[in-house]
N, C-alpha and C. Protein backbone atom coordinates (compact mmCIF):
# COMPACT_ATOMS: atom_id res chain seq x y z
N UNK A 1 22.97 -18.36 -9.70
CA UNK A 1 21.93 -17.71 -9.63
C UNK A 1 21.56 -17.51 -8.07
N UNK A 2 21.75 -18.62 -7.16
CA UNK A 2 21.52 -18.30 -5.89
C UNK A 2 20.16 -18.69 -5.30
N UNK A 3 19.16 -18.02 -5.68
CA UNK A 3 17.87 -18.28 -5.09
C UNK A 3 16.92 -19.20 -5.75
N UNK A 4 17.52 -20.10 -6.56
CA UNK A 4 16.85 -21.23 -7.20
C UNK A 4 15.85 -20.65 -8.10
N UNK A 5 14.81 -21.44 -8.12
CA UNK A 5 13.53 -21.09 -8.94
C UNK A 5 12.49 -20.33 -8.18
N UNK A 6 12.83 -19.86 -7.03
CA UNK A 6 11.83 -18.95 -6.33
C UNK A 6 11.49 -17.73 -7.02
N UNK A 7 10.00 -17.66 -7.05
CA UNK A 7 9.55 -16.38 -7.84
C UNK A 7 9.77 -15.12 -6.91
N UNK A 8 10.04 -13.97 -7.39
CA UNK A 8 10.10 -12.99 -6.57
C UNK A 8 8.81 -12.67 -5.96
N UNK A 9 8.82 -12.10 -4.75
CA UNK A 9 7.58 -11.89 -3.92
C UNK A 9 6.74 -10.72 -4.72
N UNK A 10 5.42 -10.61 -4.87
CA UNK A 10 4.59 -9.69 -5.16
C UNK A 10 4.72 -8.64 -4.00
N UNK A 11 4.87 -7.35 -4.43
CA UNK A 11 4.88 -6.38 -3.34
C UNK A 11 3.58 -5.66 -3.26
N UNK A 12 2.96 -5.61 -2.13
CA UNK A 12 1.71 -5.19 -2.07
C UNK A 12 1.46 -3.99 -1.17
N UNK A 13 0.78 -2.86 -1.44
CA UNK A 13 0.74 -1.79 -0.42
C UNK A 13 -0.68 -2.01 0.17
N UNK A 14 -1.05 -2.15 1.42
CA UNK A 14 -2.19 -2.44 1.91
C UNK A 14 -2.73 -1.22 2.71
N UNK A 15 -3.64 -0.67 2.26
CA UNK A 15 -4.02 0.72 3.16
C UNK A 15 -5.49 0.44 3.54
N UNK A 16 -5.59 0.54 4.79
CA UNK A 16 -6.81 0.32 5.56
C UNK A 16 -6.78 0.78 7.05
N UNK A 17 -7.78 1.49 7.37
CA UNK A 17 -7.73 2.20 8.90
C UNK A 17 -8.29 1.11 9.81
N UNK A 18 -8.78 -0.01 9.59
CA UNK A 18 -9.10 -0.93 10.58
C UNK A 18 -7.82 -2.01 10.78
N UNK A 19 -7.15 -1.50 12.09
CA UNK A 19 -5.77 -2.13 12.22
C UNK A 19 -5.93 -3.79 12.36
N UNK A 20 -7.09 -4.31 13.19
CA UNK A 20 -7.23 -5.79 13.24
C UNK A 20 -7.14 -6.38 11.86
N UNK A 21 -8.01 -5.71 10.92
CA UNK A 21 -8.11 -6.30 9.51
C UNK A 21 -6.63 -6.42 8.69
N UNK A 22 -6.11 -5.37 8.90
CA UNK A 22 -4.61 -5.12 8.27
C UNK A 22 -3.64 -6.23 8.75
N UNK A 23 -3.70 -6.17 10.11
CA UNK A 23 -2.76 -7.23 10.79
C UNK A 23 -2.91 -8.76 10.23
N UNK A 24 -4.25 -9.10 10.31
CA UNK A 24 -4.63 -10.39 9.72
C UNK A 24 -4.32 -10.58 8.34
N UNK A 25 -4.91 -9.76 7.48
CA UNK A 25 -4.51 -9.80 6.25
C UNK A 25 -3.24 -9.88 5.75
N UNK A 26 -2.37 -8.97 6.33
CA UNK A 26 -0.87 -8.96 6.27
C UNK A 26 -0.32 -10.32 6.49
N UNK A 27 -0.50 -10.79 7.48
CA UNK A 27 0.10 -12.21 8.05
C UNK A 27 -0.34 -13.16 6.99
N UNK A 28 -1.71 -13.23 6.55
CA UNK A 28 -2.09 -14.35 5.66
C UNK A 28 -1.48 -14.15 4.45
N UNK A 29 -1.32 -13.02 3.93
CA UNK A 29 -0.63 -12.97 2.47
C UNK A 29 0.87 -13.14 2.62
N UNK A 30 1.53 -12.84 3.68
CA UNK A 30 3.05 -13.03 3.80
C UNK A 30 3.25 -14.50 3.74
N UNK A 31 2.43 -15.30 4.23
CA UNK A 31 2.40 -16.68 3.97
C UNK A 31 2.35 -17.24 2.65
N UNK A 32 1.81 -16.35 1.87
CA UNK A 32 1.61 -16.56 0.17
C UNK A 32 2.70 -16.12 -0.55
N UNK A 33 3.60 -15.92 -0.03
CA UNK A 33 4.95 -15.17 -0.82
C UNK A 33 4.54 -13.84 -1.23
N UNK A 34 3.72 -13.01 -0.51
CA UNK A 34 3.54 -11.73 -0.80
C UNK A 34 4.51 -10.80 0.20
N UNK A 35 5.12 -9.79 -0.28
CA UNK A 35 5.88 -8.88 0.48
C UNK A 35 4.69 -7.50 0.75
N UNK A 36 4.28 -7.77 1.99
CA UNK A 36 3.11 -6.61 2.45
C UNK A 36 3.71 -5.42 3.23
N UNK A 37 3.27 -4.38 2.79
CA UNK A 37 3.64 -3.06 3.52
C UNK A 37 2.23 -2.52 3.78
N UNK A 38 2.08 -2.22 5.04
CA UNK A 38 0.56 -1.74 5.58
C UNK A 38 0.71 -0.20 5.90
N UNK A 39 -0.42 0.34 5.79
CA UNK A 39 -0.59 1.58 6.26
C UNK A 39 -1.97 1.70 6.66
N UNK A 40 -2.03 2.67 7.78
CA UNK A 40 -3.47 2.80 8.51
C UNK A 40 -4.22 4.07 8.12
N UNK A 41 -3.47 4.79 7.09
CA UNK A 41 -4.21 6.01 6.59
C UNK A 41 -3.88 6.40 5.17
N UNK A 42 -4.60 7.14 4.40
CA UNK A 42 -4.19 7.46 3.14
C UNK A 42 -3.02 8.27 3.12
N UNK A 43 -2.87 9.30 3.94
CA UNK A 43 -1.80 10.18 4.18
C UNK A 43 -0.48 9.41 4.23
N UNK A 44 -0.49 8.47 5.21
CA UNK A 44 0.71 7.65 5.52
C UNK A 44 1.11 6.77 4.18
N UNK A 45 0.09 6.32 3.50
CA UNK A 45 0.25 5.53 2.33
C UNK A 45 0.87 6.31 1.19
N UNK A 46 0.42 7.54 1.08
CA UNK A 46 1.04 8.48 -0.01
C UNK A 46 2.68 8.48 0.45
N UNK A 47 2.95 8.72 1.52
CA UNK A 47 4.20 9.01 2.05
C UNK A 47 4.97 7.63 1.60
N UNK A 48 4.62 6.56 2.02
CA UNK A 48 5.28 5.12 1.78
C UNK A 48 5.50 5.00 0.32
N UNK A 49 4.38 5.42 -0.72
CA UNK A 49 4.39 5.29 -2.12
C UNK A 49 5.72 6.20 -2.62
N UNK A 50 5.90 7.20 -2.06
CA UNK A 50 6.94 8.18 -2.62
C UNK A 50 8.33 7.49 -2.46
N UNK A 51 8.54 6.55 -1.58
CA UNK A 51 9.93 6.02 -1.36
C UNK A 51 10.02 4.35 -1.72
N UNK A 52 8.94 3.92 -2.20
CA UNK A 52 8.87 2.53 -2.39
C UNK A 52 8.18 1.88 -3.63
N UNK A 53 8.38 1.03 -4.37
CA UNK A 53 7.67 0.63 -5.48
C UNK A 53 6.87 -0.54 -5.10
N UNK A 54 5.76 -0.82 -5.72
CA UNK A 54 4.76 -1.78 -5.50
C UNK A 54 4.25 -2.44 -6.68
N UNK A 55 3.86 -3.65 -6.39
CA UNK A 55 3.34 -4.29 -7.89
C UNK A 55 1.58 -4.13 -7.86
N UNK A 56 1.19 -3.98 -6.70
CA UNK A 56 -0.26 -3.56 -6.59
C UNK A 56 -0.52 -3.11 -5.23
N UNK A 57 -1.76 -2.25 -5.25
CA UNK A 57 -2.20 -1.64 -3.95
C UNK A 57 -3.53 -2.17 -3.59
N UNK A 58 -3.83 -2.42 -2.38
CA UNK A 58 -5.34 -2.75 -1.91
C UNK A 58 -5.55 -1.61 -1.04
N UNK A 59 -6.75 -0.86 -1.29
CA UNK A 59 -7.06 0.43 -0.72
C UNK A 59 -8.59 0.37 -0.38
N UNK A 60 -8.66 0.67 1.04
CA UNK A 60 -10.06 0.63 1.52
C UNK A 60 -10.81 2.07 1.11
N UNK A 61 -12.07 1.69 0.69
CA UNK A 61 -12.77 2.83 0.08
C UNK A 61 -13.05 3.82 1.19
N UNK A 62 -13.49 3.26 2.45
CA UNK A 62 -14.12 4.19 3.50
C UNK A 62 -13.00 4.33 4.59
N UNK A 63 -12.38 5.55 4.53
CA UNK A 63 -11.31 5.67 5.59
C UNK A 63 -11.63 7.17 6.20
N UNK A 64 -11.07 7.25 7.54
CA UNK A 64 -10.91 8.56 8.10
C UNK A 64 -10.08 9.40 7.29
N UNK A 65 -10.31 10.85 7.53
CA UNK A 65 -9.46 11.59 6.70
C UNK A 65 -9.51 11.51 5.20
N UNK A 66 -8.34 11.25 4.46
CA UNK A 66 -8.61 11.05 3.06
C UNK A 66 -9.41 9.71 2.69
N UNK A 67 -10.30 9.71 1.94
CA UNK A 67 -11.00 8.46 1.55
C UNK A 67 -10.40 7.74 0.43
N UNK A 68 -10.93 6.45 0.17
CA UNK A 68 -10.16 5.66 -0.81
C UNK A 68 -10.08 6.34 -2.15
N UNK A 69 -11.01 7.00 -2.48
CA UNK A 69 -11.13 7.61 -4.02
C UNK A 69 -10.13 8.77 -3.90
N UNK A 70 -9.90 9.61 -2.79
CA UNK A 70 -9.10 10.68 -2.81
C UNK A 70 -7.60 10.14 -2.90
N UNK A 71 -7.27 9.09 -2.00
CA UNK A 71 -5.90 8.43 -2.06
C UNK A 71 -5.76 7.76 -3.60
N UNK A 72 -6.59 7.19 -4.21
CA UNK A 72 -6.51 6.59 -5.51
C UNK A 72 -6.36 7.67 -6.66
N UNK A 73 -6.86 8.76 -6.50
CA UNK A 73 -6.41 9.80 -7.46
C UNK A 73 -4.94 10.19 -7.20
N UNK A 74 -4.46 10.43 -6.13
CA UNK A 74 -3.24 10.83 -5.84
C UNK A 74 -2.22 9.89 -6.28
N UNK A 75 -2.47 8.48 -6.08
CA UNK A 75 -1.70 7.22 -6.26
C UNK A 75 -1.59 7.28 -7.89
N UNK A 76 -2.53 7.51 -8.52
CA UNK A 76 -2.60 7.61 -9.98
C UNK A 76 -1.75 8.57 -10.59
N UNK A 77 -1.64 9.82 -9.98
CA UNK A 77 -0.69 10.63 -10.47
C UNK A 77 0.76 10.51 -10.20
N UNK A 78 1.01 9.76 -8.95
CA UNK A 78 2.24 9.50 -8.46
C UNK A 78 2.85 8.29 -9.27
N UNK A 79 2.03 7.21 -9.47
CA UNK A 79 2.38 6.09 -9.90
C UNK A 79 1.25 5.50 -10.86
N UNK A 80 1.18 6.20 -12.08
CA UNK A 80 0.04 5.77 -13.00
C UNK A 80 -0.21 4.27 -13.40
N UNK A 81 1.13 3.64 -13.35
CA UNK A 81 0.94 2.14 -13.86
C UNK A 81 0.67 1.34 -12.78
N UNK A 82 0.51 1.81 -11.48
CA UNK A 82 0.37 0.88 -10.25
C UNK A 82 -1.12 0.61 -10.19
N UNK A 83 -1.48 -0.82 -10.35
CA UNK A 83 -2.84 -1.35 -10.33
C UNK A 83 -3.33 -1.24 -8.96
N UNK A 84 -4.52 -0.61 -8.69
CA UNK A 84 -5.18 -0.48 -7.39
C UNK A 84 -6.47 -1.49 -7.33
N UNK A 85 -6.79 -2.04 -6.24
CA UNK A 85 -7.73 -2.93 -6.05
C UNK A 85 -8.66 -1.99 -4.89
N UNK A 86 -9.77 -1.83 -5.07
CA UNK A 86 -10.46 -1.04 -3.85
C UNK A 86 -11.20 -2.18 -3.14
N UNK A 87 -11.04 -1.86 -1.66
CA UNK A 87 -11.62 -2.84 -0.79
C UNK A 87 -12.97 -2.10 -0.11
N UNK A 88 -14.13 -2.60 -0.23
CA UNK A 88 -15.15 -2.02 -0.10
C UNK A 88 -16.21 -2.73 0.87
N UNK A 89 -16.63 -2.25 1.88
CA UNK A 89 -17.57 -2.76 2.57
C UNK A 89 -18.95 -2.08 2.73
N UNK A 90 -18.78 -0.90 2.00
CA UNK A 90 -20.00 0.12 1.92
C UNK A 90 -20.48 0.40 0.44
N UNK A 91 -21.62 0.19 0.26
CA UNK A 91 -22.09 0.52 -1.11
C UNK A 91 -21.35 -0.19 -2.11
N UNK A 92 -21.03 -1.45 -2.36
CA UNK A 92 -20.30 -2.04 -3.18
C UNK A 92 -20.03 -1.47 -4.85
N UNK A 93 -21.52 -1.42 -5.16
CA UNK A 93 -21.47 -1.06 -6.55
C UNK A 93 -21.03 0.31 -6.90
N UNK A 94 -21.66 1.33 -6.10
CA UNK A 94 -21.29 2.70 -6.26
C UNK A 94 -19.51 2.81 -6.02
N UNK A 95 -19.24 2.15 -5.08
CA UNK A 95 -17.77 2.35 -4.65
C UNK A 95 -16.94 1.82 -5.97
N UNK A 96 -17.43 0.74 -6.42
CA UNK A 96 -16.76 -0.07 -7.69
C UNK A 96 -16.87 1.07 -8.83
N UNK A 97 -17.90 1.60 -9.05
CA UNK A 97 -18.11 2.48 -10.21
C UNK A 97 -17.31 3.82 -10.14
N UNK A 98 -17.21 4.42 -8.94
CA UNK A 98 -16.30 5.56 -8.70
C UNK A 98 -14.88 5.20 -8.51
N UNK A 99 -14.48 4.11 -8.09
CA UNK A 99 -13.09 3.66 -8.07
C UNK A 99 -12.53 3.36 -9.52
N UNK A 100 -13.52 2.77 -10.32
CA UNK A 100 -12.87 2.38 -11.64
C UNK A 100 -13.04 3.65 -12.71
N UNK A 101 -13.97 4.59 -12.33
CA UNK A 101 -13.90 5.79 -13.00
C UNK A 101 -12.59 6.59 -12.79
N UNK A 102 -11.94 6.46 -11.60
CA UNK A 102 -10.68 7.19 -11.34
C UNK A 102 -9.37 6.24 -11.58
N UNK A 103 -9.64 4.91 -12.18
CA UNK A 103 -8.54 4.33 -12.41
C UNK A 103 -8.24 3.10 -11.76
N UNK A 104 -9.16 2.72 -10.83
CA UNK A 104 -8.92 1.30 -10.10
C UNK A 104 -8.93 0.25 -11.01
N UNK A 105 -8.26 -0.66 -10.73
CA UNK A 105 -8.16 -2.02 -11.70
C UNK A 105 -9.42 -2.76 -11.47
N UNK A 106 -9.84 -2.90 -9.94
CA UNK A 106 -10.94 -3.84 -9.54
C UNK A 106 -11.28 -3.36 -8.35
N UNK A 107 -12.25 -4.23 -7.79
CA UNK A 107 -12.69 -4.00 -6.31
C UNK A 107 -13.34 -5.30 -5.84
N UNK A 108 -13.21 -5.36 -4.54
CA UNK A 108 -13.71 -6.72 -3.78
C UNK A 108 -14.38 -6.22 -2.41
N UNK A 109 -15.47 -6.72 -2.08
CA UNK A 109 -16.32 -6.28 -0.95
C UNK A 109 -15.66 -6.94 0.34
N UNK A 110 -15.79 -6.53 1.43
CA UNK A 110 -15.41 -6.91 2.66
C UNK A 110 -16.93 -7.10 3.53
N UNK A 111 -16.64 -8.22 4.43
CA UNK A 111 -15.53 -9.22 4.32
C UNK A 111 -15.60 -10.02 3.11
N UNK A 112 -14.10 -10.30 2.69
CA UNK A 112 -14.09 -11.06 1.45
C UNK A 112 -13.69 -12.50 1.57
N UNK A 113 -13.74 -13.21 0.66
CA UNK A 113 -12.98 -14.57 0.59
C UNK A 113 -11.71 -14.39 0.38
N UNK A 114 -10.69 -15.08 1.00
CA UNK A 114 -9.21 -14.62 1.01
C UNK A 114 -8.79 -15.22 -0.31
N UNK A 115 -9.37 -16.43 -0.69
CA UNK A 115 -8.80 -16.94 -2.11
C UNK A 115 -9.14 -16.05 -3.26
N UNK A 116 -10.40 -15.50 -3.02
CA UNK A 116 -10.94 -14.81 -4.33
C UNK A 116 -10.08 -13.41 -4.28
N UNK A 117 -9.65 -13.00 -3.10
CA UNK A 117 -8.80 -11.61 -3.11
C UNK A 117 -7.52 -12.10 -3.73
N UNK A 118 -6.81 -13.25 -3.37
CA UNK A 118 -5.58 -13.59 -4.05
C UNK A 118 -5.65 -13.82 -5.58
N UNK A 119 -6.76 -14.55 -6.01
CA UNK A 119 -7.34 -14.68 -7.43
C UNK A 119 -7.27 -13.19 -8.19
N UNK A 120 -8.09 -12.28 -7.36
CA UNK A 120 -8.11 -10.81 -8.20
C UNK A 120 -6.65 -10.19 -8.31
N UNK A 121 -5.98 -10.38 -7.11
CA UNK A 121 -4.55 -9.77 -7.35
C UNK A 121 -3.63 -10.24 -8.46
N UNK A 122 -3.87 -11.70 -8.55
CA UNK A 122 -3.05 -12.40 -9.65
C UNK A 122 -3.52 -12.17 -11.00
N UNK A 123 -4.92 -11.93 -11.04
CA UNK A 123 -5.52 -11.67 -12.48
C UNK A 123 -5.17 -9.99 -12.75
N UNK A 124 -5.23 -9.11 -11.74
CA UNK A 124 -5.00 -7.79 -12.02
C UNK A 124 -3.38 -7.73 -12.40
N UNK A 125 -2.64 -8.58 -11.92
CA UNK A 125 -1.10 -8.37 -12.35
C UNK A 125 -0.98 -9.04 -13.73
N UNK A 126 -1.86 -10.05 -14.21
CA UNK A 126 -1.58 -10.56 -15.51
C UNK A 126 -2.09 -9.50 -16.52
N UNK A 127 -3.21 -8.48 -16.13
CA UNK A 127 -3.38 -7.39 -17.15
C UNK A 127 -2.38 -6.46 -17.42
N UNK A 128 -1.58 -6.14 -16.30
CA UNK A 128 -0.58 -5.16 -16.31
C UNK A 128 0.52 -5.59 -17.41
């Protein structure tokens, strides 16, 4: 077998235009056996998704250019089975409702509790 009992890494696509937030979150998640691919824009994330498979996507609701809901709609056409969690610091309830209307699996407010985010990812993956 070779790799022992080590579970395969959960592959995450993290999409957010706040560079500092993305860098810190990606580092923290990498330490937890997540394989994180980051994107600073919706357009870039769509290009990445064309060439790579992911287990879950974390998608910022408010971004320059394509916003989270527009990106979510495109993700759902490209990879309907991909669970998407919306990250929102803006109008949490309306973002959640709009995101879930277009197929988001869940949402979490920013700033978030890191452990809560990890739990949401794990719960989302169990539902799939």
